[in-house]
Amino acid sequence: MTSVVVLDYGTGNVHSAVKALELAGADVTLTGDRKLALEADGLLVPGVGAFSAVMTALNDAHGGDIIDKRLSGGRPVMGICVGMQVMFEHGVERGIESEGLGEWPGTVTALPAPVLPHMGWNTVTPDPDSVLFRGLEEERFYFVHSYAAQEWTLDVMPPFPVPRLTWATHGAPFLAAVENGPLTATQFHPEKSGDAGIRLLSNWLGTLRD
């Protein structure tokens, strides 16, 4: 079975993420152990709460170093919700700017929507070449957030593969998912998205076996 570590750093829907990955067919370990996190086939980074609080917890657990070391070696990482947001350079919440992990350029900001948080089921527009959403192009996914990355500025040149971007809309278009080499992330919660979420995680697991 494909081995996945769900990074346990004191925040996130860790137990629901573990259960969803198990249903998708993974051999899952919930741990903050550096060695196990580096050696697993895949690393899942959950995240719930404020951008700054998640970054503080990640830094305290040396999570950023684990993520960066995996990615520099081409080892797959997947972020969920705030676990996606912290992959960007900065996050701004209530006028306070916090530094992110900087794996992608850009700043996470509040959605310009009359109703926040954006909570519930929403459609997405997958990249035509998406592997993550293969067979799921018409499905809905479950979102709970008020902030998101609303633009993509990373300029990728050959021979590196072009990132696959999936968008959704709440007040304005925002990035619902990114597939960028070994780094994958979703703004929505696959573990709360029923059968569609399990199938999406299964698609991600399939990339770990390639």
Foldseek 3Di string as FASTA:
>chain_A
DAEEEEAPLPAFPRVLVQVLLVLLPYDYDYYLDLVSLQPGLEYEYGHDDDLQVSQVSCVVSVVLVSVVVCVVVLRAYEYEASRVQLCEQWEADPNDIDGGSHVFYAYKYFAQAPDPDPFAKFAKQWFPPDLLCVVPNGAIFTAHGGIATQDHDDDDDPPFDDKIFMWTDHNHIGTQWIDGRRYIYGNTDLSPGPPSSSVSSSSVSVVSVD
